[in-house]
């Protein structure tokens, strides 16, 4: 089984991107998607150091809502919910910077 992790694009450098998983630590990854153009503030899914897809803000927000519901009823998924909250906030901050 593979697991992709949501992150925010901080910078694009050719075929590489600097991303943040919401923990404030910049990481350099390979841009593995050719059809989509990335920009600062974009939400992406990263697997094994490669950006594999772009994630819409709306989809990430819906996932965060779902995780909030799960955490409220089952007392689980709170760490993942916090992760989504951090990347959504960072995405908006970076978009505002331009």
PDB file of N, CA and C in Angstrom:
ATOM      1  N   UNK A   1       0.839  -1.174   0.000  1.00  0.00           N
ATOM      2  CA  UNK A   1       0.000   0.000   0.000  1.00  0.00           C
ATOM      3  C   UNK A   1       0.885   1.239   0.000  1.00  0.00           C
ATOM      4  N   UNK A   2       0.471   2.234  -0.758  1.00  0.00           N
ATOM      5  CA  UNK A   2       1.198   3.496  -0.827  1.00  0.00           C
ATOM      6  C   UNK A   2       0.431   4.563  -0.076  1.00  0.00           C
ATOM      7  N   UNK A   3       1.168   5.530   0.438  1.00  0.00           N
ATOM      8  CA  UNK A   3       0.522   6.623   1.141  1.00  0.00           C
ATOM      9  C   UNK A   3       1.116   7.931   0.678  1.00  0.00           C
ATOM     10  N   UNK A   4       0.284   8.782   0.081  1.00  0.00           N
ATOM     11  CA  UNK A   4       0.701  10.113  -0.325  1.00  0.00           C
ATOM     12  C   UNK A   4       0.359  11.086   0.786  1.00  0.00           C
ATOM     13  N   UNK A   5       1.221  12.061   0.992  1.00  0.00           N
ATOM     14  CA  UNK A   5       1.043  13.021   2.074  1.00  0.00           C
ATOM     15  C   UNK A   5       0.761  14.400   1.478  1.00  0.00           C
ATOM     16  N   UNK A   6      -0.291  15.079   1.960  1.00  0.00           N
ATOM     17  CA  UNK A   6      -0.562  16.420   1.461  1.00  0.00           C
ATOM     18  C   UNK A   6       0.494  17.405   1.947  1.00  0.00           C
ATOM     19  N   UNK A   7       0.827  18.340   1.068  1.00  0.00           N
ATOM     20  CA  UNK A   7       1.835  19.356   1.377  1.00  0.00           C
ATOM     21  C   UNK A   7       1.503  20.627   0.608  1.00  0.00           C
ATOM     22  N   UNK A   8       2.255  21.682   0.871  1.00  0.00           N
ATOM     23  CA  UNK A   8       2.080  22.965   0.206  1.00  0.00           C
ATOM     24  C   UNK A   8       3.366  23.309  -0.541  1.00  0.00           C
ATOM     25  N   UNK A   9       3.224  23.782  -1.773  1.00  0.00           N
ATOM     26  CA  UNK A   9       4.375  24.200  -2.575  1.00  0.00           C
ATOM     27  C   UNK A   9       4.820  25.581  -2.098  1.00  0.00           C
ATOM     28  N   UNK A  10       6.102  25.674  -1.745  1.00  0.00           N
ATOM     29  CA  UNK A  10       6.654  26.962  -1.318  1.00  0.00           C
ATOM     30  C   UNK A  10       7.426  27.638  -2.444  1.00  0.00           C
ATOM     31  N   UNK A  11       8.116  26.849  -3.261  1.00  0.00           N
ATOM     32  CA  UNK A  11       8.902  27.383  -4.376  1.00  0.00           C
ATOM     33  C   UNK A  11       8.984  26.323  -5.467  1.00  0.00           C
ATOM     34  N   UNK A  12       9.156  26.762  -6.702  1.00  0.00           N
ATOM     35  CA  UNK A  12       9.363  25.859  -7.837  1.00  0.00           C
ATOM     36  C   UNK A  12      10.731  26.190  -8.428  1.00  0.00           C
ATOM     37  N   UNK A  13      11.546  25.156  -8.646  1.00  0.00           N
ATOM     38  CA  UNK A  13      12.880  25.329  -9.223  1.00  0.00           C
ATOM     39  C   UNK A  13      13.057  24.299 -10.332  1.00  0.00           C
ATOM     40  N   UNK A  14      12.518  24.595 -11.519  1.00  0.00           N
ATOM     41  CA  UNK A  14      12.612  23.648 -12.625  1.00  0.00           C
ATOM     42  C   UNK A  14      11.825  22.393 -12.332  1.00  0.00           C
ATOM     43  N   UNK A  15      12.508  21.248 -12.332  1.00  0.00           N
ATOM     44  CA  UNK A  15      11.816  19.983 -12.069  1.00  0.00           C
ATOM     45  C   UNK A  15      11.756  19.635 -10.581  1.00  0.00           C
ATOM     46  N   UNK A  16      12.151  20.584  -9.738  1.00  0.00           N
ATOM     47  CA  UNK A  16      12.096  20.384  -8.300  1.00  0.00           C
ATOM     48  C   UNK A  16      11.177  21.425  -7.651  1.00  0.00           C
ATOM     49  N   UNK A  17      10.663  21.079  -6.497  1.00  0.00           N
ATOM     50  CA  UNK A  17       9.844  22.008  -5.727  1.00  0.00           C
ATOM     51  C   UNK A  17      10.268  21.934  -4.268  1.00  0.00           C
ATOM     52  N   UNK A  18      10.169  23.057  -3.597  1.00  0.00           N
ATOM     53  CA  UNK A  18      10.333  23.061  -2.147  1.00  0.00           C
ATOM     54  C   UNK A  18       8.921  23.019  -1.574  1.00  0.00           C
ATOM     55  N   UNK A  19       8.677  22.036  -0.720  1.00  0.00           N
ATOM     56  CA  UNK A  19       7.350  21.868  -0.147  1.00  0.00           C
ATOM     57  C   UNK A  19       7.431  21.923   1.373  1.00  0.00           C
ATOM     58  N   UNK A  20       6.264  22.085   1.980  1.00  0.00           N
ATOM     59  CA  UNK A  20       6.156  22.096   3.440  1.00  0.00           C
ATOM     60  C   UNK A  20       4.970  21.212   3.794  1.00  0.00           C
ATOM     61  N   UNK A  21       5.199  20.254   4.678  1.00  0.00           N
ATOM     62  CA  UNK A  21       4.127  19.375   5.131  1.00  0.00           C
ATOM     63  C   UNK A  21       3.296  20.016   6.236  1.00  0.00           C
ATOM     64  N   UNK A  22       3.548  21.284   6.509  1.00  0.00           N
ATOM     65  CA  UNK A  22       2.811  21.974   7.557  1.00  0.00           C
ATOM     66  C   UNK A  22       3.556  22.029   8.873  1.00  0.00           C
ATOM     67  N   UNK A  23       4.791  21.500   8.860  1.00  0.00           N
ATOM     68  CA  UNK A  23       5.581  21.504  10.091  1.00  0.00           C
ATOM     69  C   UNK A  23       6.677  22.567  10.075  1.00  0.00           C
ATOM     70  N   UNK A  24       6.695  23.382   9.001  1.00  0.00           N
ATOM     71  CA  UNK A  24       7.678  24.455   8.905  1.00  0.00           C
ATOM     72  C   UNK A  24       9.040  24.028   8.398  1.00  0.00           C
ATOM     73  N   UNK A  25       9.207  22.737   8.079  1.00  0.00           N
ATOM     74  CA  UNK A  25      10.490  22.231   7.596  1.00  0.00           C
ATOM     75  C   UNK A  25      10.420  22.120   6.065  1.00  0.00           C
ATOM     76  N   UNK A  26      11.211  22.930   5.339  1.00  0.00           N
ATOM     77  CA  UNK A  26      11.189  22.842   3.883  1.00  0.00           C
ATOM     78  C   UNK A  26      11.863  21.549   3.407  1.00  0.00           C
ATOM     79  N   UNK A  27      11.273  20.950   2.394  1.00  0.00           N
ATOM     80  CA  UNK A  27      11.834  19.733   1.810  1.00  0.00           C
ATOM     81  C   UNK A  27      11.847  19.869   0.298  1.00  0.00           C
ATOM     82  N   UNK A  28      12.875  19.351  -0.323  1.00  0.00           N
ATOM     83  CA  UNK A  28      13.012  19.406  -1.782  1.00  0.00           C
ATOM     84  C   UNK A  28      12.499  18.094  -2.350  1.00  0.00           C
ATOM     85  N   UNK A  29      11.572  18.185  -3.295  1.00  0.00           N
ATOM     86  CA  UNK A  29      10.997  17.001  -3.921  1.00  0.00           C
ATOM     87  C   UNK A  29      11.018  17.161  -5.434  1.00  0.00           C
ATOM     88  N   UNK A  30      10.807  16.074  -6.131  1.00  0.00           N
ATOM     89  CA  UNK A  30      10.741  16.075  -7.591  1.00  0.00           C
ATOM     90  C   UNK A  30       9.306  16.378  -8.008  1.00  0.00           C
ATOM     91  N   UNK A  31       9.159  17.226  -9.022  1.00  0.00           N
ATOM     92  CA  UNK A  31       7.833  17.480  -9.576  1.00  0.00           C
ATOM     93  C   UNK A  31       7.576  16.374 -10.597  1.00  0.00           C
ATOM     94  N   UNK A  32       6.717  15.453 -10.246  1.00  0.00           N
ATOM     95  CA  UNK A  32       6.469  14.293 -11.099  1.00  0.00           C
ATOM     96  C   UNK A  32       5.230  14.404 -11.954  1.00  0.00           C
ATOM     97  N   UNK A  33       4.597  15.569 -11.978  1.00  0.00           N
ATOM     98  CA  UNK A  33       3.406  15.731 -12.797  1.00  0.00           C
ATOM     99  C   UNK A  33       3.728  16.676 -13.943  1.00  0.00           C
ATOM    100  N   UNK A  34       3.485  16.231 -15.165  1.00  0.00           N
ATOM    101  CA  UNK A  34       3.843  17.027 -16.331  1.00  0.00           C
ATOM    102  C   UNK A  34       2.676  17.868 -16.838  1.00  0.00           C
ATOM    103  N   UNK A  35       1.476  17.402 -16.614  1.00  0.00           N
ATOM    104  CA  UNK A  35       0.323  18.065 -17.204  1.00  0.00           C
ATOM    105  C   UNK A  35      -0.129  19.291 -16.418  1.00  0.00           C
ATOM    106  N   UNK A  36       0.212  19.373 -15.183  1.00  0.00           N
ATOM    107  CA  UNK A  36      -0.257  20.467 -14.353  1.00  0.00           C
ATOM    108  C   UNK A  36       0.884  21.411 -14.011  1.00  0.00           C
ATOM    109  N   UNK A  37       0.589  22.691 -14.079  1.00  0.00           N
ATOM    110  CA  UNK A  37       1.592  23.666 -13.677  1.00  0.00           C
ATOM    111  C   UNK A  37       1.387  24.001 -12.210  1.00  0.00           C
ATOM    112  N   UNK A  38       2.473  23.999 -11.478  1.00  0.00           N
ATOM    113  CA  UNK A  38       2.405  24.300 -10.053  1.00  0.00           C
ATOM    114  C   UNK A  38       2.816  25.734  -9.802  1.00  0.00           C
ATOM    115  N   UNK A  39       2.275  26.284  -8.719  1.00  0.00           N
ATOM    116  CA  UNK A  39       2.678  27.619  -8.289  1.00  0.00           C
ATOM    117  C   UNK A  39       2.753  27.641  -6.768  1.00  0.00           C
ATOM    118  N   UNK A  40       3.389  28.660  -6.265  1.00  0.00           N
ATOM    119  CA  UNK A  40       3.519  28.852  -4.828  1.00  0.00           C
ATOM    120  C   UNK A  40       2.131  28.844  -4.193  1.00  0.00           C
ATOM    121  N   UNK A  41       1.993  28.072  -3.112  1.00  0.00           N
ATOM    122  CA  UNK A  41       0.727  27.995  -2.399  1.00  0.00           C
ATOM    123  C   UNK A  41      -0.160  26.839  -2.813  1.00  0.00           C
ATOM    124  N   UNK A  42       0.187  26.144  -3.915  1.00  0.00           N
ATOM    125  CA  UNK A  42      -0.612  24.999  -4.350  1.00  0.00           C
ATOM    126  C   UNK A  42      -0.521  23.863  -3.339  1.00  0.00           C
ATOM    127  N   UNK A  43      -1.623  23.167  -3.175  1.00  0.00           N
ATOM    128  CA  UNK A  43      -1.657  21.956  -2.356  1.00  0.00           C
ATOM    129  C   UNK A  43      -1.360  20.775  -3.265  1.00  0.00           C
ATOM    130  N   UNK A  44      -0.508  19.876  -2.813  1.00  0.00           N
ATOM    131  CA  UNK A  44      -0.112  18.716  -3.615  1.00  0.00           C
ATOM    132  C   UNK A  44      -0.083  17.469  -2.742  1.00  0.00           C
ATOM    133  N   UNK A  45      -0.058  16.332  -3.395  1.00  0.00           N
ATOM    134  CA  UNK A  45       0.162  15.062  -2.715  1.00  0.00           C
ATOM    135  C   UNK A  45       1.564  14.602  -3.095  1.00  0.00           C
ATOM    136  N   UNK A  46       2.364  14.267  -2.076  1.00  0.00           N
ATOM    137  CA  UNK A  46       3.746  13.828  -2.284  1.00  0.00           C
ATOM    138  C   UNK A  46       3.869  12.375  -1.836  1.00  0.00           C
ATOM    139  N   UNK A  47       4.459  11.564  -2.715  1.00  0.00           N
ATOM    140  CA  UNK A  47       4.726  10.162  -2.379  1.00  0.00           C
ATOM    141  C   UNK A  47       6.177   9.855  -2.721  1.00  0.00           C
ATOM    142  N   UNK A  48       6.910   9.354  -1.762  1.00  0.00           N
ATOM    143  CA  UNK A  48       8.305   8.944  -1.955  1.00  0.00           C
ATOM    144  C   UNK A  48       9.149  10.052  -2.569  1.00  0.00           C
ATOM    145  N   UNK A  49       8.916  11.296  -2.118  1.00  0.00           N
ATOM    146  CA  UNK A  49       9.718  12.416  -2.592  1.00  0.00           C
ATOM    147  C   UNK A  49       9.348  12.942  -3.957  1.00  0.00           C
ATOM    148  N   UNK A  50       8.150  12.569  -4.450  1.00  0.00           N
ATOM    149  CA  UNK A  50       7.703  12.997  -5.779  1.00  0.00           C
ATOM    150  C   UNK A  50       6.295  13.579  -5.663  1.00  0.00           C
ATOM    151  N   UNK A  51       6.092  14.767  -6.230  1.00  0.00           N
ATOM    152  CA  UNK A  51       4.743  15.331  -6.313  1.00  0.00           C
ATOM    153  C   UNK A  51       3.986  14.504  -7.338  1.00  0.00           C
ATOM    154  N   UNK A  52       2.894  13.859  -6.894  1.00  0.00           N
ATOM    155  CA  UNK A  52       2.165  12.979  -7.808  1.00  0.00           C
ATOM    156  C   UNK A  52       0.852  13.581  -8.300  1.00  0.00           C
ATOM    157  N   UNK A  53       0.331  14.591  -7.615  1.00  0.00           N
ATOM    158  CA  UNK A  53      -0.880  15.249  -8.088  1.00  0.00           C
ATOM    159  C   UNK A  53      -1.097  16.551  -7.340  1.00  0.00           C
ATOM    160  N   UNK A  54      -1.898  17.388  -7.938  1.00  0.00           N
ATOM    161  CA  UNK A  54      -2.314  18.630  -7.320  1.00  0.00           C
ATOM    162  C   UNK A  54      -3.626  18.364  -6.587  1.00  0.00           C
ATOM    163  N   UNK A  55      -3.838  19.030  -5.481  1.00  0.00           N
ATOM    164  CA  UNK A  55      -5.029  18.848  -4.665  1.00  0.00           C
ATOM    165  C   UNK A  55      -5.739  20.190  -4.588  1.00  0.00           C
ATOM    166  N   UNK A  56      -7.032  20.205  -4.881  1.00  0.00           N
ATOM    167  CA  UNK A  56      -7.750  21.477  -4.805  1.00  0.00           C
ATOM    168  C   UNK A  56      -7.963  21.861  -3.347  1.00  0.00           C
ATOM    169  N   UNK A  57      -8.046  23.155  -3.116  1.00  0.00           N
ATOM    170  CA  UNK A  57      -8.289  23.659  -1.769  1.00  0.00           C
ATOM    171  C   UNK A  57      -9.628  23.142  -1.257  1.00  0.00           C
ATOM    172  N   UNK A  58     -10.606  23.071  -2.153  1.00  0.00           N
ATOM    173  CA  UNK A  58     -11.935  22.599  -1.776  1.00  0.00           C
ATOM    174  C   UNK A  58     -11.894  21.137  -1.329  1.00  0.00           C
ATOM    175  N   UNK A  59     -11.184  20.294  -2.064  1.00  0.00           N
ATOM    176  CA  UNK A  59     -11.077  18.884  -1.681  1.00  0.00           C
ATOM    177  C   UNK A  59     -10.352  18.718  -0.348  1.00  0.00           C
ATOM    178  N   UNK A  60      -9.286  19.483  -0.156  1.00  0.00           N
ATOM    179  CA  UNK A  60      -8.558  19.401   1.113  1.00  0.00           C
ATOM    180  C   UNK A  60      -9.435  19.888   2.263  1.00  0.00           C
ATOM    181  N   UNK A  61     -10.234  20.921   2.021  1.00  0.00           N
ATOM    182  CA  UNK A  61     -11.149  21.422   3.057  1.00  0.00           C
ATOM    183  C   UNK A  61     -12.205  20.382   3.407  1.00  0.00           C
ATOM    184  N   UNK A  62     -12.725  19.701   2.386  1.00  0.00           N
ATOM    185  CA  UNK A  62     -13.717  18.645   2.619  1.00  0.00           C
ATOM    186  C   UNK A  62     -13.106  17.498   3.432  1.00  0.00           C
ATOM    187  N   UNK A  63     -11.866  17.152   3.123  1.00  0.00           N
ATOM    188  CA  UNK A  63     -11.178  16.103   3.878  1.00  0.00           C
ATOM    189  C   UNK A  63     -11.006  16.527   5.331  1.00  0.00           C
ATOM    190  N   UNK A  64     -10.637  17.788   5.539  1.00  0.00           N
ATOM    191  CA  UNK A  64     -10.478  18.294   6.907  1.00  0.00           C
ATOM    192  C   UNK A  64     -11.807  18.240   7.662  1.00  0.00           C
ATOM    193  N   UNK A  65     -12.904  18.580   6.986  1.00  0.00           N
ATOM    194  CA  UNK A  65     -14.232  18.499   7.620  1.00  0.00           C
ATOM    195  C   UNK A  65     -14.568  17.057   7.992  1.00  0.00           C
ATOM    196  N   UNK A  66     -14.281  16.134   7.078  1.00  0.00           N
ATOM    197  CA  UNK A  66     -14.544  14.722   7.336  1.00  0.00           C
ATOM    198  C   UNK A  66     -13.723  14.245   8.548  1.00  0.00           C
ATOM    199  N   UNK A  67     -12.452  14.634   8.589  1.00  0.00           N
ATOM    200  CA  UNK A  67     -11.594  14.246   9.707  1.00  0.00           C
ATOM    201  C   UNK A  67     -12.069  14.862  11.019  1.00  0.00           C
ATOM    202  N   UNK A  68     -12.580  16.091  10.952  1.00  0.00           N
ATOM    203  CA  UNK A  68     -13.122  16.741  12.146  1.00  0.00           C
ATOM    204  C   UNK A  68     -14.324  15.947  12.670  1.00  0.00           C
ATOM    205  N   UNK A  69     -15.191  15.487  11.756  1.00  0.00           N
ATOM    206  CA  UNK A  69     -16.356  14.685  12.143  1.00  0.00           C
ATOM    207  C   UNK A  69     -15.929  13.360  12.772  1.00  0.00           C
ATOM    208  N   UNK A  70     -14.926  12.711  12.161  1.00  0.00           N
ATOM    209  CA  UNK A  70     -14.431  11.438  12.697  1.00  0.00           C
ATOM    210  C   UNK A  70     -13.832  11.653  14.087  1.00  0.00           C
ATOM    211  N   UNK A  71     -13.041  12.714  14.223  1.00  0.00           N
ATOM    212  CA  UNK A  71     -12.405  12.994  15.514  1.00  0.00           C
ATOM    213  C   UNK A  71     -13.447  13.287  16.593  1.00  0.00           C
ATOM    214  N   UNK A  72     -14.516  13.952  16.201  1.00  0.00           N
ATOM    215  CA  UNK A  72     -15.556  14.298  17.180  1.00  0.00           C
ATOM    216  C   UNK A  72     -16.329  13.075  17.648  1.00  0.00           C
ATOM    217  N   UNK A  73     -16.559  12.131  16.740  1.00  0.00           N
ATOM    218  CA  UNK A  73     -17.373  10.971  17.110  1.00  0.00           C
ATOM    219  C   UNK A  73     -16.542   9.804  17.627  1.00  0.00           C
ATOM    220  N   UNK A  74     -15.380   9.605  17.070  1.00  0.00           N
ATOM    221  CA  UNK A  74     -14.582   8.436  17.440  1.00  0.00           C
ATOM    222  C   UNK A  74     -13.362   8.788  18.276  1.00  0.00           C
ATOM    223  N   UNK A  75     -13.066  10.076  18.383  1.00  0.00           N
ATOM    224  CA  UNK A  75     -11.895  10.477  19.156  1.00  0.00           C
ATOM    225  C   UNK A  75     -10.592  10.138  18.456  1.00  0.00           C
ATOM    226  N   UNK A  76     -10.663   9.902  17.152  1.00  0.00           N
ATOM    227  CA  UNK A  76      -9.469   9.564  16.390  1.00  0.00           C
ATOM    228  C   UNK A  76      -9.289  10.555  15.246  1.00  0.00           C
ATOM    229  N   UNK A  77      -8.197  10.433  14.555  1.00  0.00           N
ATOM    230  CA  UNK A  77      -7.875  11.244  13.375  1.00  0.00           C
ATOM    231  C   UNK A  77      -7.512  12.679  13.715  1.00  0.00           C
ATOM    232  N   UNK A  78      -7.313  13.010  14.982  1.00  0.00           N
ATOM    233  CA  UNK A  78      -7.028  14.388  15.348  1.00  0.00           C
ATOM    234  C   UNK A  78      -5.677  14.873  14.825  1.00  0.00           C
ATOM    235  N   UNK A  79      -4.670  14.016  14.798  1.00  0.00           N
ATOM    236  CA  UNK A  79      -3.365  14.432  14.275  1.00  0.00           C
ATOM    237  C   UNK A  79      -3.442  14.724  12.784  1.00  0.00           C
ATOM    238  N   UNK A  80      -4.158  13.884  12.054  1.00  0.00           N
ATOM    239  CA  UNK A  80      -4.317  14.100  10.621  1.00  0.00           C
ATOM    240  C   UNK A  80      -5.132  15.363  10.361  1.00  0.00           C
ATOM    241  N   UNK A  81      -6.137  15.615  11.166  1.00  0.00           N
ATOM    242  CA  UNK A  81      -6.930  16.835  11.044  1.00  0.00           C
ATOM    243  C   UNK A  81      -6.048  18.059  11.261  1.00  0.00           C
ATOM    244  N   UNK A  82      -5.201  18.031  12.269  1.00  0.00           N
ATOM    245  CA  UNK A  82      -4.292  19.154  12.523  1.00  0.00           C
ATOM    246  C   UNK A  82      -3.345  19.361  11.349  1.00  0.00           C
ATOM    247  N   UNK A  83      -2.891  18.278  10.742  1.00  0.00           N
ATOM    248  CA  UNK A  83      -2.026  18.365   9.556  1.00  0.00           C
ATOM    249  C   UNK A  83      -2.743  19.124   8.449  1.00  0.00           C
ATOM    250  N   UNK A  84      -3.984  18.737   8.158  1.00  0.00           N
ATOM    251  CA  UNK A  84      -4.750  19.411   7.107  1.00  0.00           C
ATOM    252  C   UNK A  84      -4.981  20.880   7.453  1.00  0.00           C
ATOM    253  N   UNK A  85      -5.277  21.186   8.684  1.00  0.00           N
ATOM    254  CA  UNK A  85      -5.471  22.581   9.083  1.00  0.00           C
ATOM    255  C   UNK A  85      -4.219  23.406   8.818  1.00  0.00           C
ATOM    256  N   UNK A  86      -3.045  22.834   9.163  1.00  0.00           N
ATOM    257  CA  UNK A  86      -1.786  23.562   8.954  1.00  0.00           C
ATOM    258  C   UNK A  86      -1.512  23.805   7.477  1.00  0.00           C
ATOM    259  N   UNK A  87      -1.708  22.777   6.639  1.00  0.00           N
ATOM    260  CA  UNK A  87      -1.388  22.989   5.219  1.00  0.00           C
ATOM    261  C   UNK A  87      -2.396  23.904   4.541  1.00  0.00           C
ATOM    262  N   UNK A  88      -3.664  23.859   4.961  1.00  0.00           N
ATOM    263  CA  UNK A  88      -4.653  24.771   4.392  1.00  0.00           C
ATOM    264  C   UNK A  88      -4.325  26.215   4.751  1.00  0.00           C
ATOM    265  N   UNK A  89      -3.934  26.458   5.998  1.00  0.00           N
ATOM    266  CA  UNK A  89      -3.562  27.797   6.441  1.00  0.00           C
ATOM    267  C   UNK A  89      -2.313  28.281   5.694  1.00  0.00           C
ATOM    268  N   UNK A  90      -1.316  27.423   5.566  1.00  0.00           N
ATOM    269  CA  UNK A  90      -0.079  27.786   4.868  1.00  0.00           C
ATOM    270  C   UNK A  90      -0.348  28.075   3.398  1.00  0.00           C
ATOM    271  N   UNK A  91      -1.204  27.287   2.769  1.00  0.00           N
ATOM    272  CA  UNK A  91      -1.549  27.508   1.363  1.00  0.00           C
ATOM    273  C   UNK A  91      -2.145  28.899   1.165  1.00  0.00           C
ATOM    274  N   UNK A  92      -3.085  29.266   2.006  1.00  0.00           N
ATOM    275  CA  UNK A  92      -3.711  30.591   1.900  1.00  0.00           C
ATOM    276  C   UNK A  92      -2.685  31.708   2.149  1.00  0.00           C
ATOM    277  N   UNK A  93      -1.812  31.530   3.129  1.00  0.00           N
ATOM    278  CA  UNK A  93      -0.787  32.533   3.416  1.00  0.00           C
ATOM    279  C   UNK A  93       0.148  32.728   2.219  1.00  0.00           C
ATOM    280  N   UNK A  94       0.571  31.636   1.599  1.00  0.00           N
ATOM    281  CA  UNK A  94       1.492  31.737   0.460  1.00  0.00           C
ATOM    282  C   UNK A  94       0.802  32.328  -0.764  1.00  0.00           C
ATOM    283  N   UNK A  95      -0.463  31.993  -0.983  1.00  0.00           N
ATOM    284  CA  UNK A  95      -1.200  32.605  -2.098  1.00  0.00           C
ATOM    285  C   UNK A  95      -1.324  34.112  -1.911  1.00  0.00           C
ATOM    286  N   UNK A  96      -1.540  34.550  -0.678  1.00  0.00           N
ATOM    287  CA  UNK A  96      -1.666  35.973  -0.391  1.00  0.00           C
ATOM    288  C   UNK A  96      -0.368  36.731  -0.664  1.00  0.00           C
ATOM    289  N   UNK A  97       0.763  36.047  -0.467  1.00  0.00           N
ATOM    290  CA  UNK A  97       2.072  36.660  -0.737  1.00  0.00           C
ATOM    291  C   UNK A  97       2.277  36.886  -2.220  1.00  0.00           C
ATOM    292  N   UNK A  98       1.595  36.067  -3.040  1.00  0.00           N
ATOM    293  CA  UNK A  98       1.720  36.217  -4.495  1.00  0.00           C
ATOM    294  C   UNK A  98       2.616  35.236  -5.057  1.00  0.00           C
TER     295      UNK A  98
END
